[in-house]
Amino acid sequence: MPGMSQVLTLWTKARGLPLGDRVFSLLFAQKAPYFASIRPRFTVIEPNRAELLIRDRRRVHNHLGTVHAIALCNGLEAAMGALAEATIPADKRWIPKGMEVAYTAKAAGDVTCIAETDPEQWAGEGDLPVRVRGELADGTRVVEGVIRLWVTPRQR
């Protein structure tokens, strides 16, 4: 694929290897070390969509024994970052500008964090809202919201 981003290229190559999704996930978390705190496991990375899994483990729990709100936000931001890197045109750059989320149910179990955009959103510059949500295996939505990116021309 001509013009494919480094993240998308690495993901495509890693997926062809045994445990490649796990190796990719470890490497991605090294780019922004705070992501490693949730041990994300990416399952989908493609233009306009990324998904990762946060396993229900004690290290991500709150005092109620469910996945902590900030762990969920961390997962949503990691999914958004992978989507942005896999989608943004080569002549542009992005930076997160803000996040608005609502916690809609207890996160009792593994959570799949999903980030999505529409192709036409990447045509312009400025504010770009990325739709994000977290779901349990049964489809229960535990968090939903928007992460706003600021998209500008890449400096030469």
N, C-alpha and C. Protein backbone atom coordinates (compact mmCIF):
# COMPACT_ATOMS: atom_id res chain seq x y z
N MET A 1 0.83 -1.20 0.00
CA MET A 1 0.00 0.00 0.00
C MET A 1 0.87 1.25 0.00
N PRO A 2 0.89 2.00 -1.07
CA PRO A 2 1.69 3.22 -1.08
C PRO A 2 1.15 4.23 -0.08
N GLY A 3 2.06 4.93 0.56
CA GLY A 3 1.66 5.98 1.49
C GLY A 3 1.17 5.46 2.84
N MET A 4 1.32 4.17 3.09
CA MET A 4 0.85 3.61 4.35
C MET A 4 1.72 4.13 5.49
N SER A 5 1.10 4.51 6.60
CA SER A 5 1.83 5.05 7.75
C SER A 5 2.72 3.98 8.38
N GLN A 6 3.70 4.43 9.18
CA GLN A 6 4.58 3.50 9.87
C GLN A 6 3.79 2.58 10.79
N VAL A 7 2.81 3.14 11.50
CA VAL A 7 2.00 2.33 12.42
C VAL A 7 1.24 1.26 11.65
N LEU A 8 0.62 1.64 10.55
CA LEU A 8 -0.16 0.69 9.76
C LEU A 8 0.76 -0.36 9.12
N THR A 9 1.93 0.05 8.66
CA THR A 9 2.90 -0.88 8.08
C THR A 9 3.35 -1.90 9.13
N LEU A 10 3.71 -1.41 10.31
CA LEU A 10 4.16 -2.30 11.38
C LEU A 10 3.04 -3.25 11.81
N TRP A 11 1.82 -2.74 11.92
CA TRP A 11 0.67 -3.56 12.30
C TRP A 11 0.45 -4.67 11.27
N THR A 12 0.48 -4.32 9.99
CA THR A 12 0.27 -5.30 8.92
C THR A 12 1.33 -6.39 8.96
N LYS A 13 2.58 -6.00 9.16
CA LYS A 13 3.67 -6.99 9.24
C LYS A 13 3.53 -7.86 10.49
N ALA A 14 3.24 -7.23 11.63
CA ALA A 14 3.15 -7.96 12.90
C ALA A 14 2.02 -8.98 12.88
N ARG A 15 0.91 -8.62 12.26
CA ARG A 15 -0.25 -9.53 12.23
C ARG A 15 0.05 -10.84 11.53
N GLY A 16 1.07 -10.86 10.67
CA GLY A 16 1.44 -12.09 9.98
C GLY A 16 2.34 -13.00 10.79
N LEU A 17 2.73 -12.57 11.97
CA LEU A 17 3.64 -13.35 12.80
C LEU A 17 2.90 -13.99 13.97
N PRO A 18 3.40 -15.11 14.48
CA PRO A 18 2.81 -15.68 15.70
C PRO A 18 2.91 -14.64 16.84
N LEU A 19 1.84 -14.43 17.55
CA LEU A 19 1.76 -13.44 18.64
C LEU A 19 2.10 -12.02 18.18
N GLY A 20 1.96 -11.77 16.89
CA GLY A 20 2.32 -10.47 16.33
C GLY A 20 1.52 -9.32 16.91
N ASP A 21 0.22 -9.55 17.20
CA ASP A 21 -0.58 -8.46 17.79
C ASP A 21 -0.05 -8.08 19.17
N ARG A 22 0.43 -9.05 19.91
CA ARG A 22 0.99 -8.77 21.23
C ARG A 22 2.32 -8.03 21.14
N VAL A 23 3.16 -8.44 20.19
CA VAL A 23 4.44 -7.76 19.99
C VAL A 23 4.18 -6.31 19.57
N PHE A 24 3.27 -6.11 18.62
CA PHE A 24 2.93 -4.76 18.19
C PHE A 24 2.44 -3.94 19.38
N SER A 25 1.56 -4.50 20.18
CA SER A 25 0.99 -3.79 21.33
C SER A 25 2.07 -3.35 22.30
N LEU A 26 3.05 -4.22 22.55
CA LEU A 26 4.17 -3.86 23.43
C LEU A 26 4.98 -2.71 22.84
N LEU A 27 5.26 -2.78 21.55
CA LEU A 27 6.03 -1.72 20.89
C LEU A 27 5.26 -0.39 20.90
N PHE A 28 3.96 -0.46 20.65
CA PHE A 28 3.14 0.75 20.65
C PHE A 28 3.15 1.40 22.03
N ALA A 29 3.06 0.59 23.06
CA ALA A 29 3.06 1.12 24.43
C ALA A 29 4.41 1.74 24.80
N GLN A 30 5.48 1.33 24.14
CA GLN A 30 6.78 1.95 24.41
C GLN A 30 6.86 3.37 23.84
N LYS A 31 6.12 3.62 22.79
CA LYS A 31 6.11 4.96 22.17
C LYS A 31 5.55 6.00 23.15
N ALA A 32 4.53 5.63 23.87
CA ALA A 32 3.95 6.48 24.93
C ALA A 32 3.86 5.58 26.16
N PRO A 33 4.90 5.56 27.00
CA PRO A 33 5.02 4.57 28.08
C PRO A 33 3.82 4.47 29.03
N TYR A 34 3.06 5.54 29.19
CA TYR A 34 1.91 5.45 30.10
C TYR A 34 0.89 4.43 29.61
N PHE A 35 0.81 4.22 28.29
CA PHE A 35 -0.12 3.21 27.76
C PHE A 35 0.19 1.83 28.32
N ALA A 36 1.46 1.57 28.65
CA ALA A 36 1.84 0.25 29.16
C ALA A 36 1.13 -0.07 30.47
N SER A 37 0.67 0.93 31.19
CA SER A 37 0.01 0.69 32.48
C SER A 37 -1.27 -0.15 32.34
N ILE A 38 -1.89 -0.14 31.17
CA ILE A 38 -3.10 -0.94 30.96
C ILE A 38 -2.83 -2.20 30.13
N ARG A 39 -1.60 -2.33 29.64
CA ARG A 39 -1.23 -3.46 28.77
C ARG A 39 -2.25 -3.66 27.65
N PRO A 40 -2.41 -2.66 26.79
CA PRO A 40 -3.40 -2.79 25.72
C PRO A 40 -3.03 -3.90 24.75
N ARG A 41 -4.03 -4.60 24.25
CA ARG A 41 -3.79 -5.58 23.18
C ARG A 41 -4.63 -5.16 21.97
N PHE A 42 -3.96 -4.63 20.96
CA PHE A 42 -4.65 -4.17 19.77
C PHE A 42 -5.22 -5.36 19.01
N THR A 43 -6.42 -5.19 18.49
CA THR A 43 -7.08 -6.23 17.70
C THR A 43 -7.44 -5.75 16.30
N VAL A 44 -7.59 -4.44 16.14
CA VAL A 44 -7.91 -3.86 14.83
C VAL A 44 -7.17 -2.53 14.71
N ILE A 45 -6.47 -2.34 13.60
CA ILE A 45 -5.94 -1.02 13.24
C ILE A 45 -6.09 -0.90 11.73
N GLU A 46 -6.88 0.06 11.34
CA GLU A 46 -7.09 0.34 9.93
C GLU A 46 -7.47 1.81 9.81
N PRO A 47 -7.40 2.38 8.63
CA PRO A 47 -7.82 3.78 8.52
C PRO A 47 -9.25 3.95 9.06
N ASN A 48 -9.41 4.94 9.91
CA ASN A 48 -10.70 5.32 10.49
C ASN A 48 -11.25 4.37 11.56
N ARG A 49 -10.45 3.40 12.00
CA ARG A 49 -10.92 2.51 13.07
C ARG A 49 -9.74 1.84 13.76
N ALA A 50 -9.81 1.80 15.09
CA ALA A 50 -8.85 1.02 15.87
C ALA A 50 -9.57 0.44 17.07
N GLU A 51 -9.16 -0.75 17.46
CA GLU A 51 -9.74 -1.42 18.63
C GLU A 51 -8.61 -2.05 19.43
N LEU A 52 -8.77 -2.03 20.74
CA LEU A 52 -7.84 -2.72 21.62
C LEU A 52 -8.60 -3.27 22.80
N LEU A 53 -7.99 -4.23 23.45
CA LEU A 53 -8.59 -4.89 24.60
C LEU A 53 -7.84 -4.53 25.87
N ILE A 54 -8.58 -4.15 26.90
CA ILE A 54 -8.03 -4.01 28.25
C ILE A 54 -8.54 -5.21 29.03
N ARG A 55 -7.63 -6.05 29.46
CA ARG A 55 -8.01 -7.23 30.25
C ARG A 55 -8.42 -6.79 31.65
N ASP A 56 -9.39 -7.47 32.19
CA ASP A 56 -9.89 -7.21 33.54
C ASP A 56 -8.92 -7.85 34.54
N ARG A 57 -7.96 -7.03 35.00
CA ARG A 57 -6.95 -7.50 35.95
C ARG A 57 -6.91 -6.55 37.14
N ARG A 58 -6.44 -7.03 38.25
CA ARG A 58 -6.37 -6.22 39.47
C ARG A 58 -5.63 -4.91 39.26
N ARG A 59 -4.58 -4.90 38.46
CA ARG A 59 -3.77 -3.69 38.29
C ARG A 59 -4.54 -2.54 37.64
N VAL A 60 -5.69 -2.81 37.01
CA VAL A 60 -6.48 -1.73 36.41
C VAL A 60 -7.78 -1.47 37.17
N HIS A 61 -7.94 -2.10 38.32
CA HIS A 61 -9.18 -1.98 39.09
C HIS A 61 -9.26 -0.70 39.92
N ASN A 62 -10.48 -0.30 40.20
CA ASN A 62 -10.78 0.76 41.17
C ASN A 62 -11.14 0.09 42.50
N HIS A 63 -11.61 0.87 43.44
CA HIS A 63 -11.96 0.34 44.76
C HIS A 63 -13.19 -0.58 44.72
N LEU A 64 -13.95 -0.57 43.63
CA LEU A 64 -15.12 -1.43 43.49
C LEU A 64 -14.81 -2.77 42.83
N GLY A 65 -13.55 -2.93 42.37
CA GLY A 65 -13.16 -4.16 41.71
C GLY A 65 -13.52 -4.20 40.23
N THR A 66 -13.84 -3.03 39.66
CA THR A 66 -14.11 -2.95 38.23
C THR A 66 -13.00 -2.14 37.57
N VAL A 67 -12.98 -2.11 36.24
CA VAL A 67 -11.92 -1.39 35.52
C VAL A 67 -12.06 0.11 35.81
N HIS A 68 -10.98 0.70 36.26
CA HIS A 68 -10.95 2.11 36.67
C HIS A 68 -11.25 3.04 35.51
N ALA A 69 -11.93 4.14 35.80
CA ALA A 69 -12.30 5.13 34.78
C ALA A 69 -11.08 5.65 34.02
N ILE A 70 -10.00 5.90 34.72
CA ILE A 70 -8.81 6.44 34.05
C ILE A 70 -8.14 5.36 33.18
N ALA A 71 -8.22 4.11 33.58
CA ALA A 71 -7.71 3.03 32.72
C ALA A 71 -8.53 2.99 31.42
N LEU A 72 -9.84 3.20 31.54
CA LEU A 72 -10.69 3.24 30.35
C LEU A 72 -10.29 4.41 29.45
N CYS A 73 -10.07 5.58 30.03
CA CYS A 73 -9.65 6.75 29.25
C CYS A 73 -8.30 6.50 28.58
N ASN A 74 -7.40 5.84 29.28
CA ASN A 74 -6.09 5.50 28.73
C ASN A 74 -6.27 4.59 27.50
N GLY A 75 -7.16 3.61 27.61
CA GLY A 75 -7.43 2.72 26.48
C GLY A 75 -8.05 3.44 25.31
N LEU A 76 -8.99 4.33 25.60
CA LEU A 76 -9.62 5.11 24.53
C LEU A 76 -8.59 5.99 23.82
N GLU A 77 -7.69 6.60 24.60
CA GLU A 77 -6.67 7.46 24.00
C GLU A 77 -5.68 6.65 23.16
N ALA A 78 -5.31 5.45 23.62
CA ALA A 78 -4.40 4.60 22.84
C ALA A 78 -5.07 4.19 21.53
N ALA A 79 -6.34 3.81 21.58
CA ALA A 79 -7.06 3.43 20.36
C ALA A 79 -7.14 4.62 19.41
N MET A 80 -7.43 5.80 19.95
CA MET A 80 -7.50 7.01 19.12
C MET A 80 -6.14 7.30 18.48
N GLY A 81 -5.06 7.14 19.23
CA GLY A 81 -3.73 7.41 18.70
C GLY A 81 -3.38 6.48 17.55
N ALA A 82 -3.71 5.20 17.69
CA ALA A 82 -3.45 4.24 16.61
C ALA A 82 -4.28 4.59 15.38
N LEU A 83 -5.55 4.93 15.59
CA LEU A 83 -6.42 5.34 14.48
C LEU A 83 -5.83 6.56 13.79
N ALA A 84 -5.45 7.57 14.56
CA ALA A 84 -4.92 8.81 13.98
C ALA A 84 -3.67 8.54 13.16
N GLU A 85 -2.76 7.74 13.69
CA GLU A 85 -1.53 7.43 12.98
C GLU A 85 -1.79 6.61 11.71
N ALA A 86 -2.81 5.75 11.74
CA ALA A 86 -3.13 4.91 10.59
C ALA A 86 -3.92 5.67 9.53
N THR A 87 -4.46 6.83 9.88
CA THR A 87 -5.41 7.51 9.00
C THR A 87 -4.93 8.85 8.47
N ILE A 88 -4.21 9.60 9.26
CA ILE A 88 -3.89 10.99 8.90
C ILE A 88 -3.08 11.06 7.60
N PRO A 89 -3.42 12.00 6.72
CA PRO A 89 -2.62 12.18 5.50
C PRO A 89 -1.17 12.54 5.85
N ALA A 90 -0.24 12.14 4.99
CA ALA A 90 1.19 12.32 5.26
C ALA A 90 1.60 13.78 5.41
N ASP A 91 0.81 14.70 4.85
CA ASP A 91 1.17 16.12 4.92
C ASP A 91 0.56 16.84 6.13
N LYS A 92 -0.02 16.07 7.06
CA LYS A 92 -0.64 16.67 8.25
C LYS A 92 -0.10 16.02 9.52
N ARG A 93 -0.33 16.70 10.62
CA ARG A 93 0.02 16.17 11.94
C ARG A 93 -1.15 16.43 12.88
N TRP A 94 -1.14 15.75 14.01
CA TRP A 94 -2.26 15.87 14.96
C TRP A 94 -1.73 15.93 16.38
N ILE A 95 -2.56 16.49 17.24
CA ILE A 95 -2.29 16.48 18.68
C ILE A 95 -3.64 16.43 19.38
N PRO A 96 -3.74 15.66 20.48
CA PRO A 96 -5.02 15.65 21.20
C PRO A 96 -5.28 17.01 21.83
N LYS A 97 -6.53 17.42 21.78
CA LYS A 97 -6.93 18.73 22.26
C LYS A 97 -7.84 18.63 23.48
N GLY A 98 -8.56 17.54 23.59
CA GLY A 98 -9.46 17.37 24.72
C GLY A 98 -10.22 16.07 24.62
N MET A 99 -10.81 15.69 25.75
CA MET A 99 -11.56 14.44 25.82
C MET A 99 -12.82 14.68 26.64
N GLU A 100 -13.94 14.20 26.12
CA GLU A 100 -15.20 14.25 26.85
C GLU A 100 -15.74 12.84 26.90
N VAL A 101 -15.95 12.31 28.11
CA VAL A 101 -16.46 10.94 28.22
C VAL A 101 -17.58 10.87 29.24
N ALA A 102 -18.42 9.88 29.06
CA ALA A 102 -19.48 9.56 30.02
C ALA A 102 -19.32 8.08 30.37
N TYR A 103 -19.38 7.78 31.64
CA TYR A 103 -19.30 6.39 32.11
C TYR A 103 -20.73 5.90 32.22
N THR A 104 -21.08 4.91 31.42
CA THR A 104 -22.48 4.51 31.27
C THR A 104 -22.85 3.22 31.97
N ALA A 105 -21.85 2.44 32.41
CA ALA A 105 -22.11 1.19 33.15
C ALA A 105 -20.82 0.78 33.83
N LYS A 106 -20.94 -0.11 34.82
CA LYS A 106 -19.75 -0.64 35.49
C LYS A 106 -18.95 -1.47 34.50
N ALA A 107 -17.65 -1.29 34.52
CA ALA A 107 -16.76 -2.02 33.62
C ALA A 107 -16.30 -3.29 34.32
N ALA A 108 -17.22 -4.24 34.45
CA ALA A 108 -16.93 -5.50 35.13
C ALA A 108 -16.60 -6.56 34.09
N GLY A 109 -15.34 -6.62 33.68
CA GLY A 109 -14.90 -7.58 32.67
C GLY A 109 -13.91 -6.93 31.73
N ASP A 110 -13.44 -7.72 30.77
CA ASP A 110 -12.54 -7.17 29.75
C ASP A 110 -13.29 -6.10 28.97
N VAL A 111 -12.59 -5.03 28.59
CA VAL A 111 -13.21 -3.93 27.85
C VAL A 111 -12.51 -3.75 26.51
N THR A 112 -13.30 -3.71 25.45
CA THR A 112 -12.79 -3.38 24.12
C THR A 112 -12.97 -1.89 23.91
N CYS A 113 -11.86 -1.19 23.68
CA CYS A 113 -11.88 0.25 23.42
C CYS A 113 -11.84 0.46 21.91
N ILE A 114 -12.76 1.26 21.41
CA ILE A 114 -12.94 1.46 19.97
C ILE A 114 -12.87 2.95 19.65
N ALA A 115 -12.13 3.31 18.62
CA ALA A 115 -12.06 4.68 18.13
C ALA A 115 -12.45 4.66 16.65
N GLU A 116 -13.27 5.66 16.24
CA GLU A 116 -13.73 5.70 14.85
C GLU A 116 -13.82 7.13 14.33
N THR A 117 -13.54 7.26 13.05
CA THR A 117 -13.76 8.51 12.33
C THR A 117 -14.36 8.16 10.98
N ASP A 118 -14.75 9.19 10.24
CA ASP A 118 -15.22 9.04 8.87
C ASP A 118 -14.13 9.59 7.95
N PRO A 119 -13.93 8.99 6.77
CA PRO A 119 -12.85 9.44 5.88
C PRO A 119 -12.87 10.94 5.58
N GLU A 120 -14.05 11.51 5.38
CA GLU A 120 -14.12 12.93 5.02
C GLU A 120 -13.65 13.86 6.14
N GLN A 121 -13.61 13.38 7.36
CA GLN A 121 -13.15 14.21 8.48
C GLN A 121 -11.69 14.62 8.31
N TRP A 122 -10.91 13.82 7.61
CA TRP A 122 -9.47 14.06 7.48
C TRP A 122 -9.12 14.99 6.32
N ALA A 123 -10.11 15.44 5.58
CA ALA A 123 -9.86 16.31 4.41
C ALA A 123 -9.44 17.72 4.82
N GLY A 124 -9.95 18.21 5.93
CA GLY A 124 -9.65 19.57 6.34
C GLY A 124 -8.59 19.64 7.42
N GLU A 125 -8.58 20.80 8.08
CA GLU A 125 -7.65 21.02 9.19
C GLU A 125 -8.46 21.57 10.36
N GLY A 126 -7.80 21.68 11.50
CA GLY A 126 -8.46 22.20 12.69
C GLY A 126 -9.04 21.10 13.54
N ASP A 127 -10.18 21.37 14.15
CA ASP A 127 -10.82 20.46 15.10
C ASP A 127 -11.34 19.20 14.42
N LEU A 128 -10.97 18.04 14.94
CA LEU A 128 -11.43 16.77 14.40
C LEU A 128 -11.89 15.88 15.55
N PRO A 129 -13.20 15.65 15.68
CA PRO A 129 -13.70 14.79 16.75
C PRO A 129 -13.58 13.30 16.40
N VAL A 130 -12.98 12.53 17.29
CA VAL A 130 -12.87 11.08 17.13
C VAL A 130 -13.88 10.46 18.10
N ARG A 131 -14.78 9.65 17.57
CA ARG A 131 -15.76 8.95 18.40
C ARG A 131 -15.07 7.78 19.11
N VAL A 132 -15.27 7.68 20.43
CA VAL A 132 -14.66 6.60 21.20
C VAL A 132 -15.71 5.95 22.09
N ARG A 133 -15.49 4.66 22.34
CA ARG A 133 -16.38 3.94 23.26
C ARG A 133 -15.66 2.71 23.79
N GLY A 134 -16.14 2.22 24.93
CA GLY A 134 -15.64 0.99 25.51
C GLY A 134 -16.79 0.05 25.75
N GLU A 135 -16.62 -1.21 25.37
CA GLU A 135 -17.70 -2.19 25.47
C GLU A 135 -17.21 -3.48 26.14
N LEU A 136 -18.12 -4.10 26.88
CA LEU A 136 -17.88 -5.44 27.41
C LEU A 136 -18.16 -6.46 26.31
N ALA A 137 -17.80 -7.71 26.53
CA ALA A 137 -17.99 -8.76 25.53
C ALA A 137 -19.45 -8.92 25.12
N ASP A 138 -20.38 -8.63 26.02
CA ASP A 138 -21.81 -8.78 25.70
C ASP A 138 -22.39 -7.56 24.99
N GLY A 139 -21.53 -6.57 24.68
CA GLY A 139 -21.99 -5.37 23.98
C GLY A 139 -22.37 -4.21 24.89
N THR A 140 -22.37 -4.44 26.20
CA THR A 140 -22.68 -3.35 27.13
C THR A 140 -21.66 -2.24 26.98
N ARG A 141 -22.14 -1.04 26.74
CA ARG A 141 -21.26 0.12 26.60
C ARG A 141 -20.98 0.68 27.99
N VAL A 142 -19.69 0.71 28.37
CA VAL A 142 -19.32 1.16 29.71
C VAL A 142 -18.79 2.59 29.72
N VAL A 143 -18.37 3.08 28.56
CA VAL A 143 -17.87 4.45 28.43
C VAL A 143 -18.06 4.86 26.97
N GLU A 144 -18.38 6.14 26.77
CA GLU A 144 -18.49 6.66 25.41
C GLU A 144 -18.14 8.13 25.43
N GLY A 145 -17.69 8.62 24.28
CA GLY A 145 -17.35 10.03 24.23
C GLY A 145 -16.67 10.42 22.95
N VAL A 146 -15.94 11.53 23.04
CA VAL A 146 -15.24 12.11 21.90
C VAL A 146 -13.86 12.57 22.38
N ILE A 147 -12.85 12.28 21.57
CA ILE A 147 -11.53 12.86 21.79
C ILE A 147 -11.31 13.82 20.62
N ARG A 148 -11.08 15.08 20.95
CA ARG A 148 -10.89 16.09 19.92
C ARG A 148 -9.41 16.24 19.59
N LEU A 149 -9.13 16.17 18.29
CA LEU A 149 -7.77 16.36 17.80
C LEU A 149 -7.67 17.73 17.15
N TRP A 150 -6.46 18.28 17.14
CA TRP A 150 -6.16 19.49 16.40
C TRP A 150 -5.24 19.05 15.27
N VAL A 151 -5.71 19.20 14.04
CA VAL A 151 -4.99 18.74 12.85
C VAL A 151 -4.46 19.97 12.11
N THR A 152 -3.14 19.96 11.82
CA THR A 152 -2.50 21.08 11.13
C THR A 152 -1.55 20.56 10.05
N PRO A 153 -1.13 21.42 9.14
CA PRO A 153 -0.16 20.97 8.13
C PRO A 153 1.16 20.58 8.80
N ARG A 154 1.79 19.55 8.27
CA ARG A 154 3.10 19.13 8.78
C ARG A 154 4.14 20.16 8.37
N GLN A 155 4.98 20.54 9.30
CA GLN A 155 6.05 21.50 9.01
C GLN A 155 7.13 20.83 8.18
N ARG A 156 7.69 21.54 7.24
CA ARG A 156 8.73 20.95 6.38
C ARG A 156 10.08 21.13 6.98
